[in-house]
Amino acid sequence: METVSEVPKKTASRIMHWTIVFIAMLSLMVSNGMVFTGITAFDSAILADFPEWSRGELKLRELITLIGIGILAPLFGILIDKVGVRALMIVGCLILIPSYFAYGHVENLNHIYILHTFLSIVMVCCGLNVGVILVSNWFVKHRGTAIGIAILGTSLGGAALAPLFGYWLSIGLSWREGFQYASVIPFILLAITIILVRSKPSVIGLKPYGTEGYSTQHQEDLSNHGLEYKDAIRTRSFWAITFIAMCTFYTLMGLQANLVLHLQDLGFDIQSASVGLTMLFIPALVGKFLFGLFADRYEGNRLLYANIIMLLIGLLALITSSSATVMYSIVLIGFAWGGFYTLLQLNAINNFGLKASGKILGTITILDALGGGLGIYLTGVIFDVYGSYQYAFIIFGVLCTIALILISQVKKHV
């Protein structure tokens, strides 16, 4: 029977666990929103100031970022396992602040490409792998829900920052001023990280949430539970998850990075086109939370199949949509992608454990970053060649069909 003093202690512990989840969400919101999603609201203004640049040339910046992520992710995965996520999050904020300020002073494409190499470091320090591992270190019970909440940040970045940046442009701010004002945002994340974040609960005398069924050692530190890296990469599941990530990241990164421009091609003004990202990311928020919640109740791959099928239906609707119907297809794609995004990360942790999670997620990131970068760049190039995104959207559908087939190879190993 719990004493009166134990109850407040347990309540305080739970508050700290869920505080970590919301900080991870904020980190993903800032990093993804400022590097990939929200930043696209500035694209039309940048292209207007530099009419000699093509869309493909501008979108090469994201390919550079994602190639950088792919190269750095295994190295930083080792650092995650060695020094923990807190130090990396601090470094990421300290790089993002001056990089965004400098973005407001670029004069040529090379300046942008150089800045995006630095932004790739931001993403491996404050991005998805760090957020997922941070939350997984703090949770066993309700891990799916916790990861789902944290990953909401990747959608909030687009849903909140894109309209904000679009609003700044609509009231007369230049894109250069917008970048400089936005460079203040990471200061908030930096302060919260320094004050509150701890890489593992054991650092402050707490245990991961819901470890009652584990050994004493695992109650103290979940990082010792799971497959060794060399064993994980020998499994068919590892490579299935990796190529599923590559195919779907090509599709969704290609879509979100070109969505504002596509909607402007359909006749939307800049502010309405920026809201199109909100229509993509708000349903993704719902999908990430709901399917994270469902994942705590239903095991197996049924939820993965459901998400990919919904994604394919949304892509088919996008291919055939007009300005009057395009938002409906965007909403469905966002909801499906949000759920799938959560489930894919959760499978990578649950199927292999946390013992080598930094290296495992880092290796997966090599190919999913390459896929995402190619999706952004080649989608822009396809538009430059054909004057339309139609063929690019068809490629999205083919790749998601391949991902659907590969789900059958995903198995649990711990």
Protein backbone atom coordinates (compact mmCIF):
# COMPACT_ATOMS: atom_id res chain seq x y z
CA MET A 1 0.00 0.00 0.00
CA GLU A 2 1.33 3.43 -0.98
CA THR A 3 1.96 5.97 1.74
CA VAL A 4 0.73 9.55 1.41
CA SER A 5 4.28 10.77 0.70
CA GLU A 6 4.77 8.22 -2.12
CA VAL A 7 1.72 9.42 -4.08
CA PRO A 8 2.96 13.00 -4.64
CA LYS A 9 6.39 11.60 -5.52
CA LYS A 10 4.88 9.33 -8.16
CA THR A 11 2.76 12.19 -9.50
CA ALA A 12 5.82 14.44 -9.77
CA SER A 13 7.67 11.65 -11.57
CA ARG A 14 4.88 11.28 -14.13
CA ILE A 15 4.82 15.03 -14.69
CA MET A 16 8.53 14.93 -15.52
CA HIS A 17 8.08 11.99 -17.90
CA TRP A 18 5.36 13.77 -19.87
CA THR A 19 7.28 17.05 -19.74
CA ILE A 20 10.08 15.29 -21.64
CA VAL A 21 7.54 14.22 -24.28
CA PHE A 22 6.37 17.79 -24.84
CA ILE A 23 9.94 19.10 -25.01
CA ALA A 24 10.72 16.46 -27.66
CA MET A 25 7.63 17.68 -29.53
CA LEU A 26 8.84 21.29 -29.34
CA SER A 27 12.29 20.26 -30.57
CA LEU A 28 10.79 18.53 -33.61
CA MET A 29 8.48 21.46 -34.26
CA VAL A 30 11.36 23.94 -34.33
CA SER A 31 13.86 21.79 -36.22
CA ASN A 32 11.52 20.38 -38.88
CA GLY A 33 9.53 23.57 -39.25
CA MET A 34 12.54 25.81 -39.71
CA VAL A 35 14.61 23.45 -41.86
CA PHE A 36 12.02 21.72 -44.07
CA THR A 37 8.35 22.67 -43.78
CA GLY A 38 7.74 26.22 -42.61
CA ILE A 39 10.69 27.49 -44.62
CA THR A 40 8.87 26.71 -47.90
CA ALA A 41 6.53 29.66 -47.27
CA PHE A 42 9.44 31.90 -48.30
CA ASP A 43 10.09 30.07 -51.60
CA SER A 44 7.96 32.16 -53.96
CA ALA A 45 9.37 35.41 -52.52
CA ILE A 46 12.94 34.13 -52.91
CA LEU A 47 12.29 33.04 -56.51
CA ALA A 48 10.72 36.41 -57.27
CA ASP A 49 13.89 38.18 -56.09
CA PHE A 50 16.09 35.77 -58.07
CA PRO A 51 14.13 35.07 -61.29
CA GLU A 52 17.17 33.43 -62.87
CA TRP A 53 16.89 30.52 -60.41
CA SER A 54 14.75 27.51 -61.32
CA ARG A 55 12.65 25.60 -58.81
CA GLY A 56 14.96 22.61 -59.17
CA GLU A 57 18.01 24.75 -58.33
CA LEU A 58 16.32 26.13 -55.22
CA LYS A 59 15.07 22.71 -54.12
CA LEU A 60 18.59 21.30 -54.42
CA ARG A 61 19.12 22.91 -50.99
CA GLU A 62 16.93 20.26 -49.31
CA LEU A 63 18.72 17.47 -51.13
CA ILE A 64 22.00 18.87 -49.74
CA THR A 65 20.48 18.97 -46.25
CA LEU A 66 19.22 15.41 -46.46
CA ILE A 67 22.45 14.05 -47.93
CA GLY A 68 24.22 15.75 -45.03
CA ILE A 69 21.79 14.10 -42.63
CA GLY A 70 22.40 10.73 -44.25
CA ILE A 71 26.18 11.11 -43.96
CA LEU A 72 26.11 12.46 -40.40
CA ALA A 73 23.34 10.32 -38.92
CA PRO A 74 25.46 7.19 -38.25
CA LEU A 75 28.19 9.29 -36.59
CA PHE A 76 25.69 11.20 -34.49
CA GLY A 77 23.90 7.94 -33.76
CA ILE A 78 27.08 6.78 -32.05
CA LEU A 79 27.19 10.09 -30.15
CA ILE A 80 23.58 9.61 -29.03
CA ASP A 81 24.52 6.23 -27.59
CA LYS A 82 27.66 7.67 -25.96
CA VAL A 83 26.86 11.19 -24.69
CA GLY A 84 23.06 11.29 -24.76
CA VAL A 85 20.61 13.53 -26.56
CA ARG A 86 20.70 16.63 -24.31
CA ALA A 87 24.14 17.78 -25.44
CA LEU A 88 23.21 17.30 -29.08
CA MET A 89 19.99 19.30 -28.71
CA ILE A 90 21.95 22.21 -27.25
CA VAL A 91 24.47 22.11 -30.11
CA GLY A 92 21.64 21.99 -32.66
CA CYS A 93 20.03 25.16 -31.28
CA LEU A 94 23.37 26.98 -31.22
CA ILE A 95 23.82 26.20 -34.94
CA LEU A 96 20.24 26.95 -36.00
CA ILE A 97 20.17 30.49 -34.58
CA PRO A 98 23.05 32.00 -36.62
CA SER A 99 22.23 29.89 -39.70
CA TYR A 100 18.73 31.35 -39.94
CA PHE A 101 19.98 34.87 -39.33
CA ALA A 102 22.55 34.43 -42.09
CA TYR A 103 19.82 33.14 -44.45
CA GLY A 104 18.44 36.67 -44.53
CA HIS A 105 21.69 37.87 -46.13
CA VAL A 106 22.20 35.31 -48.94
CA GLU A 107 23.07 36.64 -52.37
CA ASN A 108 23.50 33.50 -54.46
CA LEU A 109 22.66 29.79 -54.53
CA ASN A 110 26.02 28.78 -53.11
CA HIS A 111 25.27 30.75 -49.96
CA ILE A 112 22.02 28.82 -49.56
CA TYR A 113 23.69 25.46 -50.22
CA ILE A 114 26.38 26.18 -47.60
CA LEU A 115 23.77 27.15 -45.02
CA HIS A 116 21.87 23.93 -45.67
CA THR A 117 24.95 21.89 -44.86
CA PHE A 118 24.83 23.49 -41.42
CA LEU A 119 21.09 22.85 -41.21
CA SER A 120 21.78 19.14 -41.74
CA ILE A 121 23.74 19.23 -38.47
CA VAL A 122 20.73 20.86 -36.80
CA MET A 123 18.52 18.00 -37.93
CA VAL A 124 20.77 15.23 -36.60
CA CYS A 125 21.06 17.12 -33.28
CA CYS A 126 17.43 18.16 -32.78
CA GLY A 127 15.51 16.03 -35.26
CA LEU A 128 13.54 12.82 -35.38
CA ASN A 129 16.08 10.26 -34.17
CA VAL A 130 16.99 12.31 -31.12
CA GLY A 131 13.34 12.94 -30.23
CA VAL A 132 12.32 9.28 -30.60
CA ILE A 133 15.27 7.99 -28.56
CA LEU A 134 14.76 10.61 -25.84
CA VAL A 135 11.11 9.61 -25.38
CA SER A 136 11.87 5.88 -25.64
CA ASN A 137 14.45 6.17 -22.84
CA TRP A 138 11.74 7.59 -20.58
CA PHE A 139 8.86 5.26 -21.50
CA VAL A 140 7.97 1.57 -21.78
CA LYS A 141 4.25 1.69 -20.99
CA HIS A 142 2.42 4.13 -23.30
CA ARG A 143 5.53 4.40 -25.49
CA GLY A 144 3.42 4.49 -28.65
CA THR A 145 1.30 7.31 -27.29
CA ALA A 146 4.36 9.19 -26.05
CA ILE A 147 6.19 8.90 -29.38
CA GLY A 148 2.99 9.85 -31.21
CA ILE A 149 2.71 13.04 -29.14
CA ALA A 150 6.39 13.90 -29.62
CA ILE A 151 6.21 13.37 -33.37
CA LEU A 152 3.31 15.82 -33.53
CA GLY A 153 6.10 18.38 -33.55
CA THR A 154 7.10 17.47 -37.10
CA SER A 155 3.61 18.47 -38.25
CA LEU A 156 3.29 21.47 -35.94
CA GLY A 157 6.38 22.92 -37.58
CA GLY A 158 4.56 23.19 -40.89
CA ALA A 159 1.10 23.86 -39.47
CA ALA A 160 2.26 26.76 -37.28
CA LEU A 161 5.38 28.21 -38.88
CA ALA A 162 4.30 28.18 -42.54
CA PRO A 163 1.21 30.35 -41.92
CA LEU A 164 3.25 32.57 -39.59
CA PHE A 165 5.92 33.13 -42.22
CA GLY A 166 3.25 33.56 -44.92
CA TYR A 167 1.52 36.16 -42.74
CA TRP A 168 4.76 38.09 -42.31
CA LEU A 169 5.11 38.24 -46.10
CA SER A 170 1.47 39.26 -46.57
CA ILE A 171 1.85 42.31 -44.27
CA GLY A 172 4.86 43.57 -46.17
CA LEU A 173 7.90 42.04 -44.51
CA SER A 174 10.57 40.86 -46.92
CA TRP A 175 11.70 37.25 -46.83
CA ARG A 176 15.09 38.49 -45.60
CA GLU A 177 13.47 40.18 -42.61
CA GLY A 178 11.37 37.07 -42.03
CA PHE A 179 14.44 34.85 -41.69
CA GLN A 180 16.06 37.27 -39.27
CA TYR A 181 12.96 37.51 -37.08
CA ALA A 182 12.57 33.72 -37.13
CA SER A 183 16.13 33.23 -35.87
CA VAL A 184 14.85 34.22 -32.41
CA ILE A 185 12.61 31.11 -32.19
CA PRO A 186 15.36 28.55 -31.34
CA PHE A 187 16.37 30.59 -28.26
CA ILE A 188 13.20 29.31 -26.57
CA LEU A 189 14.10 25.67 -27.27
CA LEU A 190 17.69 26.25 -26.14
CA ALA A 191 16.62 27.63 -22.75
CA ILE A 192 14.11 24.83 -22.11
CA THR A 193 16.63 22.16 -23.09
CA ILE A 194 19.32 23.49 -20.77
CA ILE A 195 16.94 23.78 -17.83
CA LEU A 196 14.74 20.68 -18.12
CA VAL A 197 16.03 17.99 -20.49
CA ARG A 198 17.87 14.93 -19.15
CA SER A 199 18.82 12.16 -21.58
CA LYS A 200 17.70 9.36 -19.24
CA PRO A 201 15.47 9.31 -16.14
CA SER A 202 18.21 7.59 -14.11
CA VAL A 203 20.24 10.84 -14.27
CA ILE A 204 17.81 12.41 -11.78
CA GLY A 205 16.95 9.26 -9.84
CA LEU A 206 13.81 8.26 -11.76
CA LYS A 207 12.83 5.12 -13.67
CA PRO A 208 11.36 4.73 -17.16
CA TYR A 209 7.57 4.86 -17.11
CA GLY A 210 5.99 1.39 -16.91
CA THR A 211 9.03 -0.83 -16.22
CA GLU A 212 7.34 -3.06 -13.64
CA GLY A 213 7.75 -6.17 -15.80
CA TYR A 214 11.45 -5.66 -16.45
CA SER A 215 14.53 -6.68 -14.52
CA THR A 216 16.03 -4.27 -12.00
CA GLN A 217 18.74 -3.33 -14.49
CA HIS A 218 16.21 -2.47 -17.19
CA GLN A 219 14.11 -0.51 -14.74
CA GLU A 220 17.07 1.76 -14.21
CA ASP A 221 18.20 2.04 -17.84
CA LEU A 222 16.39 0.72 -20.92
CA SER A 223 19.40 1.44 -23.13
CA ASN A 224 20.79 -2.05 -22.34
CA HIS A 225 17.71 -3.81 -23.74
CA GLY A 226 17.65 -4.98 -27.39
CA LEU A 227 19.71 -6.32 -30.28
CA GLU A 228 23.29 -5.44 -30.97
CA TYR A 229 23.74 -3.34 -34.10
CA LYS A 230 25.44 -6.12 -36.05
CA ASP A 231 22.55 -8.47 -35.31
CA ALA A 232 19.86 -5.94 -36.22
CA ILE A 233 21.27 -5.14 -39.66
CA ARG A 234 21.31 -8.85 -40.53
CA THR A 235 17.53 -9.09 -40.26
CA ARG A 236 15.10 -8.79 -43.16
CA SER A 237 12.94 -6.51 -40.99
CA PHE A 238 15.69 -3.90 -40.73
CA TRP A 239 16.05 -3.56 -44.49
CA ALA A 240 12.30 -3.65 -45.05
CA ILE A 241 11.84 -0.75 -42.62
CA THR A 242 14.74 1.10 -44.24
CA PHE A 243 13.35 0.87 -47.78
CA ILE A 244 9.81 1.62 -46.62
CA ALA A 245 11.22 4.78 -45.03
CA MET A 246 13.09 5.66 -48.22
CA CYS A 247 10.01 5.28 -50.45
CA THR A 248 7.63 7.16 -48.15
CA PHE A 249 10.09 9.93 -47.30
CA TYR A 250 10.67 10.51 -51.03
CA THR A 251 6.93 10.94 -51.41
CA LEU A 252 6.11 13.12 -48.44
CA MET A 253 9.22 15.30 -48.49
CA GLY A 254 8.74 15.82 -52.22
CA LEU A 255 5.10 16.78 -51.69
CA GLN A 256 5.47 19.11 -48.71
CA ALA A 257 8.46 20.96 -50.17
CA ASN A 258 6.63 21.69 -53.43
CA LEU A 259 3.08 22.02 -52.09
CA VAL A 260 3.02 25.82 -51.70
CA LEU A 261 4.32 26.27 -55.24
CA HIS A 262 1.82 23.68 -56.58
CA LEU A 263 -1.10 25.46 -54.92
CA GLN A 264 0.06 28.80 -56.33
CA ASP A 265 0.13 27.16 -59.76
CA LEU A 266 -3.52 26.21 -59.17
CA GLY A 267 -4.39 29.87 -58.49
CA PHE A 268 -4.00 30.24 -54.71
CA ASP A 269 -2.36 33.40 -53.34
CA ILE A 270 0.69 33.08 -51.05
CA GLN A 271 -1.24 33.17 -47.78
CA SER A 272 -3.83 30.61 -48.97
CA ALA A 273 -1.09 28.41 -50.40
CA SER A 274 0.75 28.52 -47.09
CA VAL A 275 -2.45 27.41 -45.36
CA GLY A 276 -2.25 24.36 -47.64
CA LEU A 277 0.65 23.18 -45.49
CA THR A 278 -1.59 23.60 -42.46
CA MET A 279 -4.17 21.39 -44.21
CA LEU A 280 -1.44 18.79 -44.63
CA PHE A 281 0.02 18.96 -41.15
CA ILE A 282 -3.04 19.43 -38.90
CA PRO A 283 -4.53 16.07 -40.04
CA ALA A 284 -1.04 14.62 -39.63
CA LEU A 285 -1.14 15.78 -36.01
CA VAL A 286 -4.35 13.83 -35.50
CA GLY A 287 -2.97 10.78 -37.30
CA LYS A 288 0.24 10.72 -35.28
CA PHE A 289 -1.58 10.90 -31.97
CA LEU A 290 -4.38 8.46 -32.82
CA PHE A 291 -2.17 5.79 -34.34
CA GLY A 292 0.35 6.13 -31.52
CA LEU A 293 -2.55 5.49 -29.17
CA PHE A 294 -3.77 2.54 -31.27
CA ALA A 295 -0.25 1.08 -31.37
CA ASP A 296 -0.35 0.64 -27.58
CA ARG A 297 -3.40 -1.59 -28.04
CA TYR A 298 -2.87 -3.41 -31.34
CA GLU A 299 0.31 -5.25 -32.28
CA GLY A 300 1.39 -6.41 -35.71
CA ASN A 301 1.39 -4.66 -39.07
CA ARG A 302 -2.34 -4.06 -39.60
CA LEU A 303 -2.05 -0.36 -38.77
CA LEU A 304 0.89 0.03 -41.17
CA TYR A 305 -1.17 -1.49 -44.00
CA ALA A 306 -4.13 0.78 -43.22
CA ASN A 307 -1.96 3.90 -43.31
CA ILE A 308 -0.29 3.11 -46.61
CA ILE A 309 -3.60 2.25 -48.28
CA MET A 310 -5.06 5.59 -47.13
CA LEU A 311 -1.94 7.34 -48.39
CA LEU A 312 -2.34 5.73 -51.82
CA ILE A 313 -6.00 6.79 -52.00
CA GLY A 314 -4.99 10.35 -51.13
CA LEU A 315 -2.27 10.40 -53.78
CA LEU A 316 -4.71 9.13 -56.43
CA ALA A 317 -7.10 11.94 -55.45
CA LEU A 318 -4.22 14.46 -55.66
CA ILE A 319 -3.34 13.36 -59.19
CA THR A 320 -6.91 13.99 -60.39
CA SER A 321 -7.77 17.01 -58.22
CA SER A 322 -8.52 20.59 -59.24
CA SER A 323 -8.24 23.81 -57.24
CA ALA A 324 -11.73 23.13 -55.85
CA THR A 325 -10.92 19.63 -54.57
CA VAL A 326 -7.16 19.62 -53.90
CA MET A 327 -7.49 20.39 -50.19
CA TYR A 328 -9.51 17.21 -49.60
CA SER A 329 -6.72 15.05 -51.00
CA ILE A 330 -4.14 16.97 -48.95
CA VAL A 331 -6.11 16.35 -45.74
CA LEU A 332 -6.29 12.59 -46.38
CA ILE A 333 -2.60 12.37 -47.28
CA GLY A 334 -1.68 14.28 -44.13
CA PHE A 335 -3.76 12.04 -41.86
CA ALA A 336 -2.36 8.85 -43.39
CA TRP A 337 1.22 10.07 -43.35
CA GLY A 338 0.99 11.23 -39.75
CA GLY A 339 -0.08 7.80 -38.54
CA PHE A 340 2.48 6.00 -40.66
CA TYR A 341 5.29 8.29 -39.52
CA THR A 342 4.62 7.42 -35.88
CA LEU A 343 4.25 3.69 -36.52
CA LEU A 344 7.45 3.47 -38.55
CA GLN A 345 9.55 5.04 -35.77
CA LEU A 346 7.82 2.92 -33.13
CA ASN A 347 8.51 -0.26 -35.10
CA ALA A 348 12.19 0.60 -35.37
CA ILE A 349 12.43 0.92 -31.56
CA ASN A 350 10.10 -1.92 -30.55
CA ASN A 351 11.45 -4.43 -33.08
CA PHE A 352 15.12 -3.98 -32.17
CA GLY A 353 15.16 -2.35 -28.70
CA LEU A 354 17.22 0.59 -27.46
CA LYS A 355 20.62 -1.04 -27.00
CA ALA A 356 21.94 0.19 -30.35
CA SER A 357 19.06 2.51 -31.23
CA GLY A 358 21.28 5.46 -32.15
CA LYS A 359 23.28 3.45 -34.69
CA ILE A 360 20.19 1.61 -35.98
CA LEU A 361 18.14 4.76 -36.55
CA GLY A 362 21.22 6.51 -37.89
CA THR A 363 21.69 3.81 -40.53
CA ILE A 364 18.01 3.88 -41.50
CA THR A 365 18.34 7.64 -41.84
CA ILE A 366 21.02 7.27 -44.53
CA LEU A 367 18.49 5.91 -47.00
CA ASP A 368 15.39 7.75 -45.82
CA ALA A 369 17.30 11.05 -45.98
CA LEU A 370 18.53 10.19 -49.47
CA GLY A 371 14.97 9.33 -50.48
CA GLY A 372 13.58 12.53 -48.99
CA GLY A 373 16.26 14.68 -50.62
CA LEU A 374 15.73 13.09 -54.02
CA GLY A 375 11.98 13.53 -53.63
CA ILE A 376 12.32 17.27 -53.01
CA TYR A 377 14.92 17.85 -55.74
CA LEU A 378 13.56 15.58 -58.48
CA THR A 379 10.00 16.78 -57.97
CA GLY A 380 11.23 20.30 -58.67
CA VAL A 381 13.24 19.12 -61.69
CA ILE A 382 10.25 17.20 -63.10
CA PHE A 383 8.23 20.42 -62.92
CA ASP A 384 11.00 22.33 -64.70
CA VAL A 385 10.97 19.75 -67.52
CA TYR A 386 7.22 19.19 -67.93
CA GLY A 387 5.71 22.36 -66.46
CA SER A 388 3.56 20.23 -64.17
CA TYR A 389 3.81 18.06 -61.06
CA GLN A 390 1.60 15.33 -62.54
CA TYR A 391 4.38 12.85 -63.37
CA ALA A 392 6.03 13.49 -60.00
CA PHE A 393 2.77 12.60 -58.23
CA ILE A 394 2.50 9.36 -60.22
CA ILE A 395 6.01 8.41 -59.04
CA PHE A 396 4.82 9.02 -55.46
CA GLY A 397 2.06 6.46 -55.99
CA VAL A 398 4.44 3.84 -57.38
CA LEU A 399 6.86 4.19 -54.46
CA CYS A 400 4.08 3.91 -51.87
CA THR A 401 2.89 0.73 -53.57
CA ILE A 402 6.38 -0.72 -53.13
CA ALA A 403 6.29 0.29 -49.46
CA LEU A 404 2.94 -1.46 -49.06
CA ILE A 405 4.45 -4.71 -50.35
CA LEU A 406 7.49 -4.45 -48.06
CA ILE A 407 5.37 -4.23 -44.89
CA SER A 408 4.94 -8.03 -45.04
CA GLN A 409 8.66 -8.41 -44.22
CA VAL A 410 8.58 -6.40 -40.95
CA LYS A 411 8.86 -8.65 -37.86
CA LYS A 412 9.57 -8.13 -34.16
CA HIS A 413 12.96 -9.40 -32.87
CA VAL A 414 12.97 -8.49 -29.12
